PDB file of N, CA and C in Angstrom:
ATOM      1  N   GLY A   1       6.451 -33.284   4.779  1.00  0.00           N
ATOM      2  CA  GLY A   1       5.960 -31.943   4.889  1.00  0.00           C
ATOM      3  C   GLY A   1       4.558 -31.824   4.320  1.00  0.00           C
ATOM      4  N   THR A   2       4.039 -30.657   4.482  1.00  0.00           N
ATOM      5  CA  THR A   2       2.713 -30.336   3.980  1.00  0.00           C
ATOM      6  C   THR A   2       2.779 -29.959   2.519  1.00  0.00           C
ATOM      7  N   PRO A   3       1.949 -30.570   1.668  1.00  0.00           N
ATOM      8  CA  PRO A   3       1.936 -30.207   0.252  1.00  0.00           C
ATOM      9  C   PRO A   3       1.503 -28.745   0.085  1.00  0.00           C
ATOM     10  N   VAL A   4       2.108 -28.092  -0.881  1.00  0.00           N
ATOM     11  CA  VAL A   4       1.791 -26.696  -1.184  1.00  0.00           C
ATOM     12  C   VAL A   4       1.123 -26.647  -2.560  1.00  0.00           C
ATOM     13  N   LYS A   5       0.004 -25.980  -2.622  1.00  0.00           N
ATOM     14  CA  LYS A   5      -0.696 -25.836  -3.898  1.00  0.00           C
ATOM     15  C   LYS A   5      -0.227 -24.561  -4.572  1.00  0.00           C
ATOM     16  N   ILE A   6       0.245 -24.698  -5.793  1.00  0.00           N
ATOM     17  CA  ILE A   6       0.725 -23.546  -6.556  1.00  0.00           C
ATOM     18  C   ILE A   6      -0.343 -23.188  -7.604  1.00  0.00           C
ATOM     19  N   LEU A   7      -0.778 -21.940  -7.578  1.00  0.00           N
ATOM     20  CA  LEU A   7      -1.824 -21.473  -8.490  1.00  0.00           C
ATOM     21  C   LEU A   7      -1.283 -20.344  -9.362  1.00  0.00           C
ATOM     22  N   PRO A   8      -1.796 -20.233 -10.597  1.00  0.00           N
ATOM     23  CA  PRO A   8      -1.458 -19.068 -11.423  1.00  0.00           C
ATOM     24  C   PRO A   8      -1.996 -17.790 -10.756  1.00  0.00           C
ATOM     25  N   LEU A   9      -1.316 -16.685 -10.959  1.00  0.00           N
ATOM     26  CA  LEU A   9      -1.710 -15.423 -10.348  1.00  0.00           C
ATOM     27  C   LEU A   9      -3.149 -15.069 -10.672  1.00  0.00           C
ATOM     28  N   LEU A  10      -3.582 -15.254 -11.910  1.00  0.00           N
ATOM     29  CA  LEU A  10      -4.953 -14.889 -12.284  1.00  0.00           C
ATOM     30  C   LEU A  10      -5.962 -15.728 -11.538  1.00  0.00           C
ATOM     31  N   ALA A  11      -5.661 -16.994 -11.241  1.00  0.00           N
ATOM     32  CA  ALA A  11      -6.550 -17.842 -10.458  1.00  0.00           C
ATOM     33  C   ALA A  11      -6.668 -17.337  -9.028  1.00  0.00           C
ATOM     34  N   VAL A  12      -5.557 -16.870  -8.471  1.00  0.00           N
ATOM     35  CA  VAL A  12      -5.579 -16.312  -7.119  1.00  0.00           C
ATOM     36  C   VAL A  12      -6.441 -15.056  -7.094  1.00  0.00           C
ATOM     37  N   LEU A  13      -6.244 -14.178  -8.074  1.00  0.00           N
ATOM     38  CA  LEU A  13      -7.037 -12.951  -8.116  1.00  0.00           C
ATOM     39  C   LEU A  13      -8.525 -13.249  -8.254  1.00  0.00           C
ATOM     40  N   GLU A  14      -8.849 -14.234  -9.064  1.00  0.00           N
ATOM     41  CA  GLU A  14     -10.251 -14.627  -9.231  1.00  0.00           C
ATOM     42  C   GLU A  14     -10.813 -15.204  -7.946  1.00  0.00           C
ATOM     43  N   SER A  15     -10.005 -15.968  -7.226  1.00  0.00           N
ATOM     44  CA  SER A  15     -10.494 -16.615  -5.996  1.00  0.00           C
ATOM     45  C   SER A  15     -10.835 -15.594  -4.902  1.00  0.00           C
ATOM     46  N   VAL A  16     -10.234 -14.412  -4.963  1.00  0.00           N
ATOM     47  CA  VAL A  16     -10.545 -13.368  -3.966  1.00  0.00           C
ATOM     48  C   VAL A  16     -11.472 -12.284  -4.540  1.00  0.00           C
ATOM     49  N   GLY A  17     -12.013 -12.537  -5.742  1.00  0.00           N
ATOM     50  CA  GLY A  17     -12.985 -11.638  -6.319  1.00  0.00           C
ATOM     51  C   GLY A  17     -12.399 -10.436  -7.055  1.00  0.00           C
ATOM     52  N   TRP A  18     -11.133 -10.517  -7.420  1.00  0.00           N
ATOM     53  CA  TRP A  18     -10.463  -9.396  -8.096  1.00  0.00           C
ATOM     54  C   TRP A  18     -10.264  -9.664  -9.581  1.00  0.00           C
ATOM     55  N   GLN A  19     -11.095 -10.498 -10.191  1.00  0.00           N
ATOM     56  CA  GLN A  19     -10.873 -10.874 -11.588  1.00  0.00           C
ATOM     57  C   GLN A  19     -11.010  -9.700 -12.574  1.00  0.00           C
ATOM     58  N   ASN A  20     -11.748  -8.664 -12.210  1.00  0.00           N
ATOM     59  CA  ASN A  20     -11.932  -7.516 -13.117  1.00  0.00           C
ATOM     60  C   ASN A  20     -11.412  -6.216 -12.496  1.00  0.00           C
ATOM     61  N   THR A  21     -10.538  -6.324 -11.519  1.00  0.00           N
ATOM     62  CA  THR A  21     -10.054  -5.170 -10.788  1.00  0.00           C
ATOM     63  C   THR A  21      -8.720  -4.690 -11.333  1.00  0.00           C
ATOM     64  N   THR A  22      -8.547  -3.364 -11.393  1.00  0.00           N
ATOM     65  CA  THR A  22      -7.243  -2.802 -11.722  1.00  0.00           C
ATOM     66  C   THR A  22      -6.373  -2.927 -10.459  1.00  0.00           C
ATOM     67  N   ILE A  23      -5.180  -3.441 -10.636  1.00  0.00           N
ATOM     68  CA  ILE A  23      -4.254  -3.654  -9.513  1.00  0.00           C
ATOM     69  C   ILE A  23      -3.216  -2.530  -9.512  1.00  0.00           C
ATOM     70  N   GLN A  24      -3.072  -1.862  -8.378  1.00  0.00           N
ATOM     71  CA  GLN A  24      -2.152  -0.706  -8.296  1.00  0.00           C
ATOM     72  C   GLN A  24      -0.701  -1.119  -8.470  1.00  0.00           C
ATOM     73  N   MET A  25      -0.278  -2.217  -7.830  1.00  0.00           N
ATOM     74  CA  MET A  25       1.133  -2.600  -7.885  1.00  0.00           C
ATOM     75  C   MET A  25       1.271  -4.119  -7.820  1.00  0.00           C
ATOM     76  N   LEU A  26       2.172  -4.619  -8.615  1.00  0.00           N
ATOM     77  CA  LEU A  26       2.531  -6.031  -8.602  1.00  0.00           C
ATOM     78  C   LEU A  26       4.032  -6.131  -8.374  1.00  0.00           C
ATOM     79  N   LEU A  27       4.442  -6.739  -7.289  1.00  0.00           N
ATOM     80  CA  LEU A  27       5.863  -6.951  -7.000  1.00  0.00           C
ATOM     81  C   LEU A  27       6.139  -8.439  -7.133  1.00  0.00           C
ATOM     82  N   LEU A  28       7.024  -8.770  -8.066  1.00  0.00           N
ATOM     83  CA  LEU A  28       7.368 -10.168  -8.306  1.00  0.00           C
ATOM     84  C   LEU A  28       8.813 -10.408  -7.899  1.00  0.00           C
ATOM     85  N   ALA A  29       9.004 -11.268  -6.927  1.00  0.00           N
ATOM     86  CA  ALA A  29      10.335 -11.691  -6.491  1.00  0.00           C
ATOM     87  C   ALA A  29      10.213 -13.147  -6.071  1.00  0.00           C
ATOM     88  N   CYS A  30      10.289 -14.040  -7.032  1.00  0.00           N
ATOM     89  CA  CYS A  30      10.040 -15.448  -6.743  1.00  0.00           C
ATOM     90  C   CYS A  30      11.074 -16.375  -7.387  1.00  0.00           C
ATOM     91  N   ASP A  31      12.325 -15.953  -7.344  1.00  0.00           N
ATOM     92  CA  ASP A  31      13.457 -16.788  -7.756  1.00  0.00           C
ATOM     93  C   ASP A  31      13.285 -17.431  -9.135  1.00  0.00           C
ATOM     94  N   GLY A  32      12.971 -16.637 -10.116  1.00  0.00           N
ATOM     95  CA  GLY A  32      12.911 -17.124 -11.488  1.00  0.00           C
ATOM     96  C   GLY A  32      11.519 -17.297 -12.054  1.00  0.00           C
ATOM     97  N   CYS A  33      10.501 -17.384 -11.234  1.00  0.00           N
ATOM     98  CA  CYS A  33       9.150 -17.549 -11.786  1.00  0.00           C
ATOM     99  C   CYS A  33       8.566 -16.214 -12.236  1.00  0.00           C
ATOM    100  N   GLU A  34       9.274 -15.107 -11.964  1.00  0.00           N
ATOM    101  CA  GLU A  34       8.799 -13.790 -12.382  1.00  0.00           C
ATOM    102  C   GLU A  34       8.513 -13.775 -13.878  1.00  0.00           C
ATOM    103  N   TYR A  35       9.394 -14.378 -14.637  1.00  0.00           N
ATOM    104  CA  TYR A  35       9.270 -14.347 -16.094  1.00  0.00           C
ATOM    105  C   TYR A  35       8.072 -15.163 -16.544  1.00  0.00           C
ATOM    106  N   ASP A  36       7.825 -16.307 -15.909  1.00  0.00           N
ATOM    107  CA  ASP A  36       6.647 -17.113 -16.250  1.00  0.00           C
ATOM    108  C   ASP A  36       5.360 -16.339 -15.951  1.00  0.00           C
ATOM    109  N   VAL A  37       5.316 -15.668 -14.806  1.00  0.00           N
ATOM    110  CA  VAL A  37       4.126 -14.898 -14.408  1.00  0.00           C
ATOM    111  C   VAL A  37       3.866 -13.777 -15.418  1.00  0.00           C
ATOM    112  N   ILE A  38       4.904 -13.006 -15.731  1.00  0.00           N
ATOM    113  CA  ILE A  38       4.739 -11.898 -16.685  1.00  0.00           C
ATOM    114  C   ILE A  38       4.317 -12.430 -18.054  1.00  0.00           C
ATOM    115  N   GLU A  39       4.944 -13.509 -18.515  1.00  0.00           N
ATOM    116  CA  GLU A  39       4.578 -14.071 -19.815  1.00  0.00           C
ATOM    117  C   GLU A  39       3.120 -14.526 -19.835  1.00  0.00           C
ATOM    118  N   GLN A  40       2.649 -15.138 -18.731  1.00  0.00           N
ATOM    119  CA  GLN A  40       1.256 -15.573 -18.656  1.00  0.00           C
ATOM    120  C   GLN A  40       0.308 -14.389 -18.686  1.00  0.00           C
ATOM    121  N   LEU A  41       0.656 -13.321 -17.961  1.00  0.00           N
ATOM    122  CA  LEU A  41      -0.184 -12.134 -17.963  1.00  0.00           C
ATOM    123  C   LEU A  41      -0.246 -11.461 -19.336  1.00  0.00           C
ATOM    124  N   ILE A  42       0.881 -11.421 -20.018  1.00  0.00           N
ATOM    125  CA  ILE A  42       0.929 -10.839 -21.370  1.00  0.00           C
ATOM    126  C   ILE A  42       0.072 -11.678 -22.328  1.00  0.00           C
ATOM    127  N   HIS A  43       0.287 -12.984 -22.323  1.00  0.00           N
ATOM    128  CA  HIS A  43      -0.415 -13.870 -23.265  1.00  0.00           C
ATOM    129  C   HIS A  43      -1.924 -13.933 -22.970  1.00  0.00           C
ATOM    130  N   SER A  44      -2.309 -13.713 -21.725  1.00  0.00           N
ATOM    131  CA  SER A  44      -3.746 -13.744 -21.386  1.00  0.00           C
ATOM    132  C   SER A  44      -4.418 -12.416 -21.670  1.00  0.00           C
ATOM    133  N   GLY A  45      -3.609 -11.374 -21.975  1.00  0.00           N
ATOM    134  CA  GLY A  45      -4.175 -10.061 -22.217  1.00  0.00           C
ATOM    135  C   GLY A  45      -4.509  -9.308 -20.932  1.00  0.00           C
ATOM    136  N   GLN A  46      -4.069  -9.817 -19.790  1.00  0.00           N
ATOM    137  CA  GLN A  46      -4.414  -9.220 -18.500  1.00  0.00           C
ATOM    138  C   GLN A  46      -3.321  -8.283 -17.951  1.00  0.00           C
ATOM    139  N   ILE A  47      -2.216  -8.149 -18.643  1.00  0.00           N
ATOM    140  CA  ILE A  47      -1.102  -7.355 -18.124  1.00  0.00           C
ATOM    141  C   ILE A  47      -1.468  -5.889 -17.874  1.00  0.00           C
ATOM    142  N   ALA A  48      -2.349  -5.333 -18.694  1.00  0.00           N
ATOM    143  CA  ALA A  48      -2.703  -3.905 -18.549  1.00  0.00           C
ATOM    144  C   ALA A  48      -3.496  -3.617 -17.277  1.00  0.00           C
ATOM    145  N   ARG A  49      -3.962  -4.637 -16.580  1.00  0.00           N
ATOM    146  CA  ARG A  49      -4.679  -4.438 -15.310  1.00  0.00           C
ATOM    147  C   ARG A  49      -3.751  -3.928 -14.213  1.00  0.00           C
ATOM    148  N   PHE A  50      -2.432  -4.065 -14.409  1.00  0.00           N
ATOM    149  CA  PHE A  50      -1.462  -3.733 -13.384  1.00  0.00           C
ATOM    150  C   PHE A  50      -0.821  -2.386 -13.700  1.00  0.00           C
ATOM    151  N   LEU A  51      -1.023  -1.411 -12.812  1.00  0.00           N
ATOM    152  CA  LEU A  51      -0.525  -0.052 -13.062  1.00  0.00           C
ATOM    153  C   LEU A  51       0.984   0.058 -12.908  1.00  0.00           C
ATOM    154  N   LEU A  52       1.534  -0.618 -11.908  1.00  0.00           N
ATOM    155  CA  LEU A  52       2.976  -0.589 -11.670  1.00  0.00           C
ATOM    156  C   LEU A  52       3.437  -2.020 -11.449  1.00  0.00           C
ATOM    157  N   ILE A  53       4.490  -2.397 -12.134  1.00  0.00           N
ATOM    158  CA  ILE A  53       5.043  -3.744 -12.000  1.00  0.00           C
ATOM    159  C   ILE A  53       6.514  -3.630 -11.634  1.00  0.00           C
ATOM    160  N   ALA A  54       6.881  -4.219 -10.520  1.00  0.00           N
ATOM    161  CA  ALA A  54       8.279  -4.281 -10.096  1.00  0.00           C
ATOM    162  C   ALA A  54       8.719  -5.744 -10.185  1.00  0.00           C
ATOM    163  N   ILE A  55       9.746  -5.996 -10.977  1.00  0.00           N
ATOM    164  CA  ILE A  55      10.198  -7.358 -11.244  1.00  0.00           C
ATOM    165  C   ILE A  55      11.608  -7.520 -10.726  1.00  0.00           C
ATOM    166  N   HIS A  56      11.781  -8.489  -9.840  1.00  0.00           N
ATOM    167  CA  HIS A  56      13.134  -8.861  -9.419  1.00  0.00           C
ATOM    168  C   HIS A  56      13.775  -9.589 -10.587  1.00  0.00           C
ATOM    169  N   VAL A  57      14.871  -9.067 -11.073  1.00  0.00           N
ATOM    170  CA  VAL A  57      15.549  -9.647 -12.234  1.00  0.00           C
ATOM    171  C   VAL A  57      16.760 -10.419 -11.742  1.00  0.00           C
ATOM    172  N   ASN A  58      16.667 -11.733 -11.838  1.00  0.00           N
ATOM    173  CA  ASN A  58      17.734 -12.615 -11.364  1.00  0.00           C
ATOM    174  C   ASN A  58      18.482 -13.143 -12.585  1.00  0.00           C
ATOM    175  N   CYS A  59      19.709 -12.732 -12.756  1.00  0.00           N
ATOM    176  CA  CYS A  59      20.496 -13.139 -13.917  1.00  0.00           C
ATOM    177  C   CYS A  59      21.356 -14.360 -13.652  1.00  0.00           C
ATOM    178  N   ASP A  60      21.182 -14.999 -12.506  1.00  0.00           N
ATOM    179  CA  ASP A  60      21.956 -16.209 -12.210  1.00  0.00           C
ATOM    180  C   ASP A  60      21.561 -17.306 -13.174  1.00  0.00           C
ATOM    181  N   GLU A  61      22.534 -18.191 -13.468  1.00  0.00           N
ATOM    182  CA  GLU A  61      22.231 -19.317 -14.339  1.00  0.00           C
ATOM    183  C   GLU A  61      21.214 -20.223 -13.666  1.00  0.00           C
ATOM    184  N   GLY A  62      20.415 -20.861 -14.467  1.00  0.00           N
ATOM    185  CA  GLY A  62      19.469 -21.828 -13.941  1.00  0.00           C
ATOM    186  C   GLY A  62      18.085 -21.273 -13.649  1.00  0.00           C
ATOM    187  N   VAL A  63      17.859 -19.983 -13.804  1.00  0.00           N
ATOM    188  CA  VAL A  63      16.528 -19.453 -13.513  1.00  0.00           C
ATOM    189  C   VAL A  63      15.685 -19.289 -14.763  1.00  0.00           C
ATOM    190  N   GLY A  64      16.205 -19.741 -15.895  1.00  0.00           N
ATOM    191  CA  GLY A  64      15.405 -19.721 -17.116  1.00  0.00           C
ATOM    192  C   GLY A  64      15.443 -18.404 -17.863  1.00  0.00           C
ATOM    193  N   LEU A  65      16.345 -17.500 -17.509  1.00  0.00           N
ATOM    194  CA  LEU A  65      16.404 -16.212 -18.195  1.00  0.00           C
ATOM    195  C   LEU A  65      17.543 -16.261 -19.204  1.00  0.00           C
ATOM    196  N   THR A  66      17.181 -16.203 -20.457  1.00  0.00           N
ATOM    197  CA  THR A  66      18.176 -16.113 -21.512  1.00  0.00           C
ATOM    198  C   THR A  66      18.106 -14.719 -22.096  1.00  0.00           C
ATOM    199  N   VAL A  67      19.093 -14.361 -22.851  1.00  0.00           N
ATOM    200  CA  VAL A  67      19.111 -13.045 -23.494  1.00  0.00           C
ATOM    201  C   VAL A  67      17.893 -12.908 -24.392  1.00  0.00           C
ATOM    202  N   VAL A  68      17.574 -13.940 -25.156  1.00  0.00           N
ATOM    203  CA  VAL A  68      16.427 -13.890 -26.057  1.00  0.00           C
ATOM    204  C   VAL A  68      15.131 -13.772 -25.271  1.00  0.00           C
ATOM    205  N   ARG A  69      15.003 -14.563 -24.193  1.00  0.00           N
ATOM    206  CA  ARG A  69      13.772 -14.515 -23.384  1.00  0.00           C
ATOM    207  C   ARG A  69      13.595 -13.131 -22.758  1.00  0.00           C
ATOM    208  N   LEU A  70      14.658 -12.548 -22.222  1.00  0.00           N
ATOM    209  CA  LEU A  70      14.574 -11.223 -21.618  1.00  0.00           C
ATOM    210  C   LEU A  70      14.197 -10.183 -22.661  1.00  0.00           C
ATOM    211  N   ALA A  71      14.818 -10.241 -23.845  1.00  0.00           N
ATOM    212  CA  ALA A  71      14.507  -9.284 -24.914  1.00  0.00           C
ATOM    213  C   ALA A  71      13.046  -9.413 -25.360  1.00  0.00           C
ATOM    214  N   THR A  72      12.571 -10.638 -25.469  1.00  0.00           N
ATOM    215  CA  THR A  72      11.168 -10.857 -25.864  1.00  0.00           C
ATOM    216  C   THR A  72      10.221 -10.354 -24.802  1.00  0.00           C
ATOM    217  N   LEU A  73      10.521 -10.637 -23.541  1.00  0.00           N
ATOM    218  CA  LEU A  73       9.683 -10.166 -22.443  1.00  0.00           C
ATOM    219  C   LEU A  73       9.633  -8.634 -22.414  1.00  0.00           C
ATOM    220  N   ARG A  74      10.797  -7.999 -22.558  1.00  0.00           N
ATOM    221  CA  ARG A  74      10.838  -6.537 -22.547  1.00  0.00           C
ATOM    222  C   ARG A  74      10.043  -5.961 -23.706  1.00  0.00           C
ATOM    223  N   HIS A  75      10.191  -6.548 -24.886  1.00  0.00           N
ATOM    224  CA  HIS A  75       9.463  -6.084 -26.064  1.00  0.00           C
ATOM    225  C   HIS A  75       7.953  -6.208 -25.839  1.00  0.00           C
ATOM    226  N   ASN A  76       7.518  -7.372 -25.380  1.00  0.00           N
ATOM    227  CA  ASN A  76       6.081  -7.612 -25.193  1.00  0.00           C
ATOM    228  C   ASN A  76       5.514  -6.741 -24.071  1.00  0.00           C
ATOM    229  N   LEU A  77       6.255  -6.547 -22.995  1.00  0.00           N
ATOM    230  CA  LEU A  77       5.785  -5.713 -21.889  1.00  0.00           C
ATOM    231  C   LEU A  77       5.741  -4.241 -22.271  1.00  0.00           C
ATOM    232  N   SER A  78       6.610  -3.834 -23.187  1.00  0.00           N
ATOM    233  CA  SER A  78       6.644  -2.417 -23.576  1.00  0.00           C
ATOM    234  C   SER A  78       5.411  -2.016 -24.397  1.00  0.00           C
ATOM    235  N   ALA A  79       4.620  -2.977 -24.843  1.00  0.00           N
ATOM    236  CA  ALA A  79       3.382  -2.642 -25.547  1.00  0.00           C
ATOM    237  C   ALA A  79       2.354  -2.006 -24.601  1.00  0.00           C
ATOM    238  N   SER A  80       2.398  -2.378 -23.337  1.00  0.00           N
ATOM    239  CA  SER A  80       1.431  -1.864 -22.371  1.00  0.00           C
ATOM    240  C   SER A  80       2.051  -1.032 -21.255  1.00  0.00           C
ATOM    241  N   HIS A  81       3.358  -1.154 -21.064  1.00  0.00           N
ATOM    242  CA  HIS A  81       4.036  -0.502 -19.949  1.00  0.00           C
ATOM    243  C   HIS A  81       5.325   0.160 -20.402  1.00  0.00           C
ATOM    244  N   GLN A  82       5.715   1.148 -19.631  1.00  0.00           N
ATOM    245  CA  GLN A  82       6.963   1.887 -19.884  1.00  0.00           C
ATOM    246  C   GLN A  82       7.967   1.532 -18.807  1.00  0.00           C
ATOM    247  N   LEU A  83       9.195   1.204 -19.226  1.00  0.00           N
ATOM    248  CA  LEU A  83      10.270   0.885 -18.267  1.00  0.00           C
ATOM    249  C   LEU A  83      10.782   2.194 -17.664  1.00  0.00           C
ATOM    250  N   HIS A  84      10.699   2.304 -16.334  1.00  0.00           N
ATOM    251  CA  HIS A  84      11.169   3.500 -15.640  1.00  0.00           C
ATOM    252  C   HIS A  84      12.538   3.316 -15.017  1.00  0.00           C
ATOM    253  N   HIS A  85      12.781   2.177 -14.432  1.00  0.00           N
ATOM    254  CA  HIS A  85      14.061   1.909 -13.800  1.00  0.00           C
ATOM    255  C   HIS A  85      14.511   0.518 -14.198  1.00  0.00           C
ATOM    256  N   ASP A  86      15.777   0.401 -14.554  1.00  0.00           N
ATOM    257  CA  ASP A  86      16.322  -0.894 -14.927  1.00  0.00           C
ATOM    258  C   ASP A  86      17.659  -1.059 -14.214  1.00  0.00           C
ATOM    259  N   PHE A  87      17.623  -1.719 -13.092  1.00  0.00           N
ATOM    260  CA  PHE A  87      18.829  -2.044 -12.365  1.00  0.00           C
ATOM    261  C   PHE A  87      19.129  -3.507 -12.734  1.00  0.00           C
ATOM    262  N   MET A  88      19.844  -3.690 -13.852  1.00  0.00           N
ATOM    263  CA  MET A  88      20.036  -5.009 -14.443  1.00  0.00           C
ATOM    264  C   MET A  88      20.533  -5.998 -13.398  1.00  0.00           C
ATOM    265  N   CYS A  89      19.938  -7.163 -13.427  1.00  0.00           N
ATOM    266  CA  CYS A  89      20.209  -8.274 -12.520  1.00  0.00           C
ATOM    267  C   CYS A  89      19.790  -7.945 -11.089  1.00  0.00           C
ATOM    268  N   VAL A  90      18.951  -6.923 -10.912  1.00  0.00           N
ATOM    269  CA  VAL A  90      18.423  -6.602  -9.583  1.00  0.00           C
ATOM    270  C   VAL A  90      16.923  -6.342  -9.675  1.00  0.00           C
ATOM    271  N   LEU A  91      16.505  -5.269 -10.363  1.00  0.00           N
ATOM    272  CA  LEU A  91      15.102  -4.855 -10.343  1.00  0.00           C
ATOM    273  C   LEU A  91      14.767  -4.050 -11.598  1.00  0.00           C
ATOM    274  N   GLN A  92      13.565  -4.263 -12.115  1.00  0.00           N
ATOM    275  CA  GLN A  92      13.007  -3.436 -13.159  1.00  0.00           C
ATOM    276  C   GLN A  92      11.679  -2.903 -12.652  1.00  0.00           C
ATOM    277  N   ILE A  93      11.393  -1.624 -12.930  1.00  0.00           N
ATOM    278  CA  ILE A  93      10.117  -1.041 -12.549  1.00  0.00           C
ATOM    279  C   ILE A  93       9.438  -0.506 -13.807  1.00  0.00           C
ATOM    280  N   TRP A  94       8.239  -0.994 -14.062  1.00  0.00           N
ATOM    281  CA  TRP A  94       7.445  -0.652 -15.234  1.00  0.00           C
ATOM    282  C   TRP A  94       6.144   0.009 -14.781  1.00  0.00           C
ATOM    283  N   THR A  95       5.695   1.032 -15.520  1.00  0.00           N
ATOM    284  CA  THR A  95       4.382   1.608 -15.273  1.00  0.00           C
ATOM    285  C   THR A  95       3.560   1.523 -16.553  1.00  0.00           C
ATOM    286  N   ARG A  96       2.260   1.386 -16.369  1.00  0.00           N
ATOM    287  CA  ARG A  96       1.356   1.259 -17.522  1.00  0.00           C
ATOM    288  C   ARG A  96       1.328   2.569 -18.298  1.00  0.00           C
ATOM    289  N   TRP A  97       1.319   2.470 -19.607  1.00  0.00           N
ATOM    290  CA  TRP A  97       1.184   3.646 -20.452  1.00  0.00           C
ATOM    291  C   TRP A  97      -0.134   4.329 -20.114  1.00  0.00           C
ATOM    292  N   GLN A  98      -0.167   5.637 -20.109  1.00  0.00           N
ATOM    293  CA  GLN A  98      -1.390   6.379 -19.848  1.00  0.00           C
ATOM    294  C   GLN A  98      -2.322   6.265 -21.049  1.00  0.00           C
ATOM    295  N   VAL A  99      -3.576   5.966 -20.782  1.00  0.00           N
ATOM    296  CA  VAL A  99      -4.583   5.876 -21.838  1.00  0.00           C
ATOM    297  C   VAL A  99      -5.162   7.264 -22.057  1.00  0.00           C
ATOM    298  N   ARG A 100      -5.139   7.717 -23.295  1.00  0.00           N
ATOM    299  CA  ARG A 100      -5.659   9.058 -23.596  1.00  0.00           C
ATOM    300  C   ARG A 100      -6.933   8.975 -24.377  1.00  0.00           C
TER     301      ARG A 100
END
């Protein structure tokens, strides 16, 4: 088959000239890599660029989601975003806190 190049989300945004752009919505549904993407955005300080984040939450074994990892992710994401909907093991919808 044809090799597939996997890039971090921030590299993709930079490649299309969106490195300093506020993003209206980010929908993550990638069979377990959602948590890696969110963690990278949080640690890079870029998470606040996204106004609305919808995360497919897959609670199946083997996707790397542990109770501790989910709690840490929720805690870290809550610094910049507010959880609006939590359909556990299906979908979470977060919106950025309003800056006053």
